[in-house]
Amino acid sequence: MANKKTAEDKNISIKREAEEKRELSFKDEACVGCGICEQICPVEAIEIGPIGAITKGEVDASKVSIDENKCVLCGMCSVGCPVEAMNLKIDGKDIKEIDEYPRLVKSLTSEVDKCVYCGACDIACPQDAIKVMRELPERAELVTGEIDVNKDACISCGMCEEMCPADAIHVVEREPTSAHPEIASDIVVDKDKCVYCGVCKRICPEDAIKVICKVCPYGEYEIAEAEVKGDVVVDESECVNCGWCQEICPKEVFEVEKPFEGELVINQEACQGCETCIEVCPCNVLSFPESEEAGKIADKLCKDERFCIYCGACAKACPTEAIEVRRTGVKYTPTASKSWERALESLKSESKTIAKAEKPAKAKSGGK
């Protein structure tokens, strides 16, 4: 039996050299199957595979296939892709970095100086594009005190060990022998864990433990303020500009701009509850509420459009066409090329096609 293909096996690279070197690459692992590349291609060289079946693992295939004989390496698919799965380079430079070409307007900006490194964005990001690394202060800088155990008075009852909320006390006992009929014991206090709360002192039946917390008495001691250091790293190649980080951040560190505006429409009667849309959505927009009856799937598909990028992956994958993505706006940088303008405007729901007969701008070296 043939070995299963890896994501790298499904990637695509097309190269041509003439007056300039052009290379189109496709990363299957980054692709969400939205079909924008297929829609925007002026020569119909791109075809999207069965996204639902591929996502569920029922079909082992690349999400996208490109007819190299048709492709003119114009770069429209690269510019239109909202998740950077398509990438055209001209003489080694990304087309999105060349001023003569338009590009989608999208961004994620952050004011890290505001960040308290709570990690909410790290947890919420559906693409694992954000990593929060924090360095906490030493516990002794925040909690300090004194603890003393009178081992002569201790009767090794172990109550302090059982009650300690910080798991800082351990009673070590040695069973009596004929040579030493007494129960020998020792109490070990881990001062790196102790918070000097006094629970052990209050529970001890022999008053063998003395505890002083140097934080609790008002104004008696000066304790350093907590200083949490860290860093927030955003992998822009993984970010899909969904806005989860912006919405969940308690300090308003993030600001997200999305390239598309629109509306997500769900036909609840047509929905069969297969959850394909949930699996393909790169932004965790869709969900079924928890069912009140065990073993039964809720019959109403929910959406939260705050996080939708209107890529259309859910609509493309839905086997019953129960979802429609209506794009009402596409944000891109100005272009003097009418063919490029028409191509980008075609991504709006009211513009289903682009002029196939017109040769894409600046594709002089990309012919067959």
Protein backbone atom coordinates (compact mmCIF):
# COMPACT_ATOMS: atom_id res chain seq x y z
CA MET A 1 0.00 0.00 0.00
CA ALA A 2 1.35 3.46 -0.88
CA ASN A 3 2.54 5.68 1.93
CA LYS A 4 0.21 8.47 2.97
CA LYS A 5 1.18 11.83 1.53
CA THR A 6 2.38 14.55 3.86
CA ALA A 7 1.31 18.19 3.59
CA GLU A 8 4.65 18.95 1.93
CA ASP A 9 3.90 16.36 -0.77
CA LYS A 10 0.75 18.30 -1.66
CA ASN A 11 2.47 21.66 -2.09
CA ILE A 12 2.87 23.04 -5.61
CA SER A 13 5.64 25.02 -7.32
CA ILE A 14 5.55 26.33 -10.90
CA LYS A 15 8.58 28.14 -12.34
CA ARG A 16 9.27 29.93 -15.62
CA GLU A 17 12.10 32.14 -16.78
CA ALA A 18 12.16 34.65 -19.61
CA GLU A 19 12.89 38.35 -19.20
CA GLU A 20 12.17 37.75 -15.54
CA LYS A 21 11.97 34.71 -13.31
CA ARG A 22 8.51 33.90 -11.96
CA GLU A 23 7.69 31.23 -9.41
CA LEU A 24 4.26 30.38 -8.04
CA SER A 25 4.15 28.28 -4.88
CA PHE A 26 1.19 26.81 -3.04
CA LYS A 27 1.24 25.65 0.61
CA ASP A 28 -1.45 23.04 1.18
CA GLU A 29 -1.16 23.24 4.96
CA ALA A 30 -2.00 26.97 4.91
CA CYS A 31 -4.92 26.63 2.48
CA VAL A 32 -8.44 26.78 3.94
CA GLY A 33 -10.18 25.76 0.73
CA CYS A 34 -12.06 29.03 0.30
CA GLY A 35 -11.90 28.92 -3.50
CA ILE A 36 -10.94 32.56 -3.97
CA CYS A 37 -7.95 31.55 -6.09
CA GLU A 38 -10.23 29.49 -8.31
CA GLN A 39 -12.68 32.38 -8.64
CA ILE A 40 -10.12 35.05 -9.40
CA CYS A 41 -7.97 33.09 -11.87
CA PRO A 42 -8.44 34.73 -15.32
CA VAL A 43 -7.50 31.59 -17.28
CA GLU A 44 -9.37 29.00 -15.18
CA ALA A 45 -6.15 27.16 -14.34
CA ILE A 46 -7.06 26.47 -10.70
CA GLU A 47 -9.48 23.90 -9.35
CA ILE A 48 -10.44 23.35 -5.72
CA GLY A 49 -10.72 19.78 -4.50
CA PRO A 50 -13.48 18.27 -2.31
CA ILE A 51 -12.63 20.39 0.72
CA GLY A 52 -15.05 18.75 3.12
CA ALA A 53 -13.82 15.23 2.37
CA ILE A 54 -10.18 16.33 2.47
CA THR A 55 -10.63 18.09 5.82
CA LYS A 56 -12.34 15.07 7.32
CA GLY A 57 -9.54 12.81 6.06
CA GLU A 58 -11.84 10.88 3.73
CA VAL A 59 -9.77 11.89 0.69
CA ASP A 60 -5.99 12.19 0.68
CA ALA A 61 -5.38 14.92 -1.87
CA SER A 62 -4.15 18.47 -2.26
CA LYS A 63 -6.81 21.10 -1.67
CA VAL A 64 -5.84 22.83 -4.92
CA SER A 65 -4.73 21.65 -8.35
CA ILE A 66 -3.16 23.97 -10.93
CA ASP A 67 -3.05 23.30 -14.66
CA GLU A 68 0.50 24.35 -15.49
CA ASN A 69 -0.32 24.50 -19.20
CA LYS A 70 -2.98 27.14 -18.54
CA CYS A 71 -1.33 29.12 -15.76
CA VAL A 72 0.25 32.40 -16.96
CA LEU A 73 1.82 33.20 -13.57
CA CYS A 74 -0.02 36.50 -13.36
CA GLY A 75 -0.22 36.41 -9.56
CA MET A 76 -3.91 37.14 -9.14
CA CYS A 77 -4.36 34.03 -7.01
CA SER A 78 -1.44 35.11 -4.82
CA VAL A 79 -2.84 38.60 -4.27
CA GLY A 80 -6.40 37.38 -3.68
CA CYS A 81 -5.57 34.60 -1.22
CA PRO A 82 -6.56 35.82 2.28
CA VAL A 83 -4.37 33.28 4.11
CA GLU A 84 -1.12 33.52 2.14
CA ALA A 85 -1.36 29.96 0.78
CA MET A 86 -0.54 31.17 -2.73
CA ASN A 87 2.67 33.09 -3.29
CA LEU A 88 4.05 34.46 -6.56
CA LYS A 89 7.62 35.72 -6.66
CA ILE A 90 9.09 37.77 -9.49
CA ASP A 91 12.88 37.67 -9.58
CA GLY A 92 12.77 36.39 -6.03
CA LYS A 93 10.54 39.16 -4.67
CA ASP A 94 7.03 38.55 -3.35
CA ILE A 95 4.47 40.16 -5.67
CA LYS A 96 2.74 41.65 -2.64
CA GLU A 97 5.89 43.66 -1.94
CA ILE A 98 6.04 45.14 -5.45
CA ASP A 99 4.37 48.55 -5.59
CA GLU A 100 3.12 48.13 -9.16
CA TYR A 101 0.79 45.33 -8.06
CA PRO A 102 -2.24 45.73 -5.80
CA ARG A 103 -2.63 43.72 -2.61
CA LEU A 104 -5.39 43.04 -0.13
CA VAL A 105 -5.54 45.51 2.75
CA LYS A 106 -5.32 43.52 5.95
CA SER A 107 -3.29 43.91 9.09
CA LEU A 108 -2.69 42.93 12.68
CA THR A 109 -1.05 45.60 14.80
CA SER A 110 -0.18 45.36 18.47
CA GLU A 111 0.89 47.65 21.28
CA VAL A 112 2.94 45.22 23.32
CA ASP A 113 3.69 47.91 25.91
CA LYS A 114 0.07 47.54 27.09
CA CYS A 115 0.29 43.75 27.39
CA VAL A 116 0.04 42.07 30.80
CA TYR A 117 0.87 38.65 29.31
CA CYS A 118 -2.37 37.05 30.44
CA GLY A 119 -2.22 34.58 27.54
CA ALA A 120 -5.85 34.98 26.48
CA CYS A 121 -4.88 35.71 22.86
CA ASP A 122 -2.61 32.67 22.78
CA ILE A 123 -5.46 30.42 23.90
CA ALA A 124 -8.11 32.00 21.68
CA CYS A 125 -6.18 32.17 18.39
CA PRO A 126 -7.70 29.47 16.12
CA GLN A 127 -4.52 29.26 14.02
CA ASP A 128 -2.00 29.14 16.90
CA ALA A 129 -0.41 32.23 15.37
CA ILE A 130 0.22 33.96 18.73
CA LYS A 131 2.62 32.84 21.41
CA VAL A 132 2.78 34.58 24.78
CA MET A 133 5.92 34.05 26.80
CA ARG A 134 6.00 35.43 30.30
CA GLU A 135 8.51 35.57 33.11
CA LEU A 136 6.96 35.74 36.56
CA PRO A 137 8.79 37.25 39.53
CA GLU A 138 10.18 35.07 42.29
CA ARG A 139 7.51 34.17 44.80
CA ALA A 140 9.73 35.46 47.62
CA GLU A 141 9.51 38.95 46.10
CA LEU A 142 5.75 38.98 46.63
CA VAL A 143 5.20 36.84 49.72
CA THR A 144 7.66 36.87 52.57
CA GLY A 145 7.61 35.90 56.21
CA GLU A 146 8.96 33.57 58.86
CA ILE A 147 7.96 30.08 59.92
CA ASP A 148 9.36 28.04 62.78
CA VAL A 149 8.51 24.53 63.99
CA ASN A 150 9.18 23.42 67.55
CA LYS A 151 10.08 19.83 66.81
CA ASP A 152 10.27 18.97 70.52
CA ALA A 153 6.60 19.92 70.91
CA CYS A 154 5.48 18.26 67.67
CA ILE A 155 3.56 15.00 68.09
CA SER A 156 3.72 14.04 64.37
CA CYS A 157 -0.05 14.16 63.91
CA GLY A 158 0.35 15.30 60.30
CA MET A 159 -2.56 17.75 60.44
CA CYS A 160 -0.37 20.60 59.19
CA GLU A 161 0.66 18.55 56.17
CA GLU A 162 -2.93 17.66 55.31
CA MET A 163 -4.20 21.20 55.69
CA CYS A 164 -1.39 23.16 54.01
CA PRO A 165 -2.95 24.79 50.90
CA ALA A 166 0.46 25.25 49.30
CA ASP A 167 1.67 21.68 49.83
CA ALA A 168 4.69 23.17 51.58
CA ILE A 169 4.83 20.94 54.70
CA HIS A 170 5.87 17.30 54.81
CA VAL A 171 6.06 15.12 57.89
CA VAL A 172 8.66 12.38 57.61
CA GLU A 173 8.09 9.53 60.08
CA ARG A 174 10.09 6.46 61.08
CA GLU A 175 8.21 3.53 62.52
CA PRO A 176 9.25 2.50 66.07
CA THR A 177 11.64 -0.42 66.57
CA SER A 178 12.74 -2.36 69.65
CA ALA A 179 15.90 -0.26 69.76
CA HIS A 180 13.96 2.98 69.34
CA PRO A 181 10.40 2.46 70.65
CA GLU A 182 9.52 6.12 70.14
CA ILE A 183 8.08 7.40 66.84
CA ALA A 184 10.82 9.50 65.32
CA SER A 185 9.70 12.22 62.97
CA ASP A 186 10.82 15.32 61.21
CA ILE A 187 8.94 18.19 59.63
CA VAL A 188 10.24 19.71 56.42
CA VAL A 189 8.95 23.12 55.30
CA ASP A 190 9.52 24.05 51.67
CA LYS A 191 9.96 27.80 51.93
CA ASP A 192 9.80 28.17 48.16
CA LYS A 193 6.17 27.06 48.38
CA CYS A 194 5.12 28.49 51.74
CA VAL A 195 2.83 31.53 51.54
CA TYR A 196 2.86 32.16 55.30
CA CYS A 197 -0.91 31.95 55.49
CA GLY A 198 -0.90 30.55 59.04
CA VAL A 199 -3.21 27.57 58.42
CA CYS A 200 -0.64 25.17 59.90
CA LYS A 201 -0.33 27.35 63.00
CA ARG A 202 -4.08 27.42 63.55
CA ILE A 203 -4.57 23.65 63.08
CA CYS A 204 -1.63 22.50 65.23
CA PRO A 205 -3.05 20.93 68.49
CA GLU A 206 0.24 21.48 70.34
CA ASP A 207 0.95 25.05 69.25
CA ALA A 208 4.24 23.81 67.83
CA ILE A 209 4.26 26.06 64.74
CA LYS A 210 4.87 29.79 64.68
CA VAL A 211 4.19 31.79 61.48
CA ILE A 212 4.60 35.47 60.72
CA CYS A 213 3.52 36.93 57.40
CA LYS A 214 5.44 40.09 56.60
CA VAL A 215 2.93 41.20 54.00
CA CYS A 216 -0.25 41.22 56.05
CA PRO A 217 0.54 43.87 58.73
CA TYR A 218 -0.43 47.20 57.20
CA GLY A 219 2.51 49.51 56.60
CA GLU A 220 4.93 47.48 58.66
CA TYR A 221 6.99 46.15 55.77
CA GLU A 222 7.68 47.35 52.25
CA ILE A 223 7.21 44.59 49.67
CA ALA A 224 8.24 45.01 46.04
CA GLU A 225 5.47 45.34 43.47
CA ALA A 226 5.05 42.41 41.10
CA GLU A 227 6.78 42.86 37.76
CA VAL A 228 5.81 40.43 35.05
CA LYS A 229 8.03 40.44 31.99
CA GLY A 230 7.48 38.69 28.72
CA ASP A 231 6.98 38.88 25.01
CA VAL A 232 4.22 38.33 22.45
CA VAL A 233 5.19 36.78 19.15
CA VAL A 234 2.80 36.80 16.19
CA ASP A 235 3.47 34.51 13.24
CA GLU A 236 2.04 36.61 10.42
CA SER A 237 2.24 33.67 8.02
CA GLU A 238 -0.28 31.81 10.22
CA CYS A 239 -2.53 34.77 11.09
CA VAL A 240 -5.84 34.92 9.19
CA ASN A 241 -6.96 38.30 10.63
CA CYS A 242 -10.03 36.83 12.31
CA GLY A 243 -9.99 39.28 15.23
CA TRP A 244 -10.14 36.83 18.12
CA CYS A 245 -7.09 38.43 19.73
CA GLN A 246 -8.59 41.91 19.43
CA GLU A 247 -11.92 40.83 20.92
CA ILE A 248 -10.57 38.82 23.83
CA CYS A 249 -7.66 41.03 24.91
CA PRO A 250 -8.51 42.83 28.20
CA LYS A 251 -5.97 45.58 27.50
CA GLU A 252 -6.83 46.36 23.86
CA VAL A 253 -3.35 45.41 22.69
CA PHE A 254 -4.42 44.22 19.23
CA GLU A 255 -6.11 45.91 16.30
CA VAL A 256 -7.17 43.85 13.28
CA GLU A 257 -8.18 44.99 9.81
CA LYS A 258 -9.91 42.46 7.58
CA PRO A 259 -9.73 42.49 3.77
CA PHE A 260 -13.37 41.53 3.17
CA GLU A 261 -16.72 42.83 4.34
CA GLY A 262 -19.89 40.85 3.99
CA GLU A 263 -22.59 38.66 5.46
CA LEU A 264 -22.78 35.01 6.41
CA VAL A 265 -26.20 33.50 5.69
CA ILE A 266 -27.28 30.10 7.01
CA ASN A 267 -30.26 28.11 5.73
CA GLN A 268 -31.17 26.21 8.89
CA GLU A 269 -33.66 23.98 7.06
CA ALA A 270 -31.02 22.81 4.57
CA CYS A 271 -28.38 22.21 7.26
CA GLN A 272 -27.92 18.50 8.01
CA GLY A 273 -25.68 18.97 11.06
CA CYS A 274 -22.66 17.24 9.51
CA GLU A 275 -20.26 19.81 11.07
CA THR A 276 -18.16 20.02 7.90
CA CYS A 277 -18.38 23.82 7.99
CA ILE A 278 -17.14 23.86 11.59
CA GLU A 279 -14.13 21.74 10.69
CA VAL A 280 -13.07 23.82 7.68
CA CYS A 281 -13.64 27.27 9.18
CA PRO A 282 -10.24 28.80 9.97
CA CYS A 283 -11.72 31.30 12.41
CA ASN A 284 -13.96 29.29 14.78
CA VAL A 285 -17.00 31.25 13.62
CA LEU A 286 -19.49 28.37 13.46
CA SER A 287 -20.68 26.03 16.18
CA PHE A 288 -23.57 23.98 17.43
CA PRO A 289 -24.81 24.79 20.94
CA GLU A 290 -24.59 22.06 23.54
CA SER A 291 -27.53 19.73 23.18
CA GLU A 292 -29.88 19.41 26.11
CA GLU A 293 -30.37 15.74 25.29
CA ALA A 294 -27.38 13.39 25.59
CA GLY A 295 -26.22 11.92 22.29
CA LYS A 296 -28.28 14.33 20.19
CA ILE A 297 -26.76 17.07 18.02
CA ALA A 298 -28.40 20.47 18.33
CA ASP A 299 -30.40 21.33 15.22
CA LYS A 300 -29.44 25.01 14.96
CA LEU A 301 -26.09 26.10 13.54
CA CYS A 302 -24.81 29.19 15.30
CA LYS A 303 -22.47 31.86 13.93
CA ASP A 304 -20.44 34.69 15.40
CA GLU A 305 -19.65 37.04 12.54
CA ARG A 306 -17.32 39.15 14.66
CA PHE A 307 -14.62 36.66 13.72
CA CYS A 308 -15.64 35.87 10.13
CA ILE A 309 -13.23 36.88 7.34
CA TYR A 310 -15.81 35.96 4.66
CA CYS A 311 -13.36 33.66 2.93
CA GLY A 312 -16.16 31.30 1.90
CA ALA A 313 -14.52 28.04 2.96
CA CYS A 314 -17.65 26.96 4.85
CA ALA A 315 -19.90 27.58 1.85
CA LYS A 316 -17.47 25.79 -0.46
CA ALA A 317 -17.39 22.71 1.76
CA CYS A 318 -21.08 22.48 2.72
CA PRO A 319 -22.55 19.38 1.02
CA THR A 320 -26.10 20.75 1.11
CA GLU A 321 -25.35 24.36 0.12
CA ALA A 322 -26.85 25.53 3.41
CA ILE A 323 -24.35 28.37 3.78
CA GLU A 324 -23.90 31.45 1.65
CA VAL A 325 -21.11 33.98 2.03
CA ARG A 326 -22.02 37.35 0.56
CA ARG A 327 -18.98 39.61 0.14
CA THR A 328 -20.05 43.23 -0.08
CA GLY A 329 -16.62 44.84 0.05
CA VAL A 330 -13.02 44.07 -0.88
CA LYS A 331 -10.22 46.31 0.41
CA TYR A 332 -7.11 46.55 -1.74
CA THR A 333 -4.42 49.06 -2.58
CA PRO A 334 -4.95 51.31 -5.64
CA THR A 335 -4.09 49.96 -9.07
CA ALA A 336 -3.96 51.53 -12.51
CA SER A 337 -4.67 48.19 -14.16
CA LYS A 338 -8.32 47.68 -15.09
CA SER A 339 -7.85 43.91 -15.36
CA TRP A 340 -6.51 43.74 -11.81
CA GLU A 341 -9.29 45.99 -10.57
CA ARG A 342 -11.92 43.82 -12.24
CA ALA A 343 -10.33 40.69 -10.80
CA LEU A 344 -10.42 41.97 -7.23
CA GLU A 345 -13.90 43.45 -7.61
CA SER A 346 -15.08 40.05 -8.89
CA LEU A 347 -14.66 38.72 -5.36
CA LYS A 348 -17.77 40.63 -4.35
CA SER A 349 -20.93 38.54 -4.39
CA GLU A 350 -22.59 40.70 -7.01
CA SER A 351 -19.64 40.18 -9.41
CA LYS A 352 -19.40 36.45 -10.08
CA THR A 353 -17.03 36.53 -13.07
CA ILE A 354 -14.09 38.44 -14.46
CA ALA A 355 -13.05 39.12 -18.03
CA LYS A 356 -11.41 35.86 -19.07
CA ALA A 357 -10.43 37.13 -22.51
CA GLU A 358 -8.27 40.00 -21.28
CA LYS A 359 -4.66 39.16 -20.65
CA PRO A 360 -3.60 39.90 -17.05
CA ALA A 361 -1.42 42.94 -16.55
CA LYS A 362 2.36 42.41 -16.51
CA ALA A 363 2.19 38.73 -17.47
CA LYS A 364 4.58 39.19 -20.38
CA SER A 365 6.93 36.41 -19.31
CA GLY A 366 4.24 34.07 -18.09
CA GLY A 367 2.93 32.80 -21.40
CA LYS A 368 2.82 29.16 -22.38
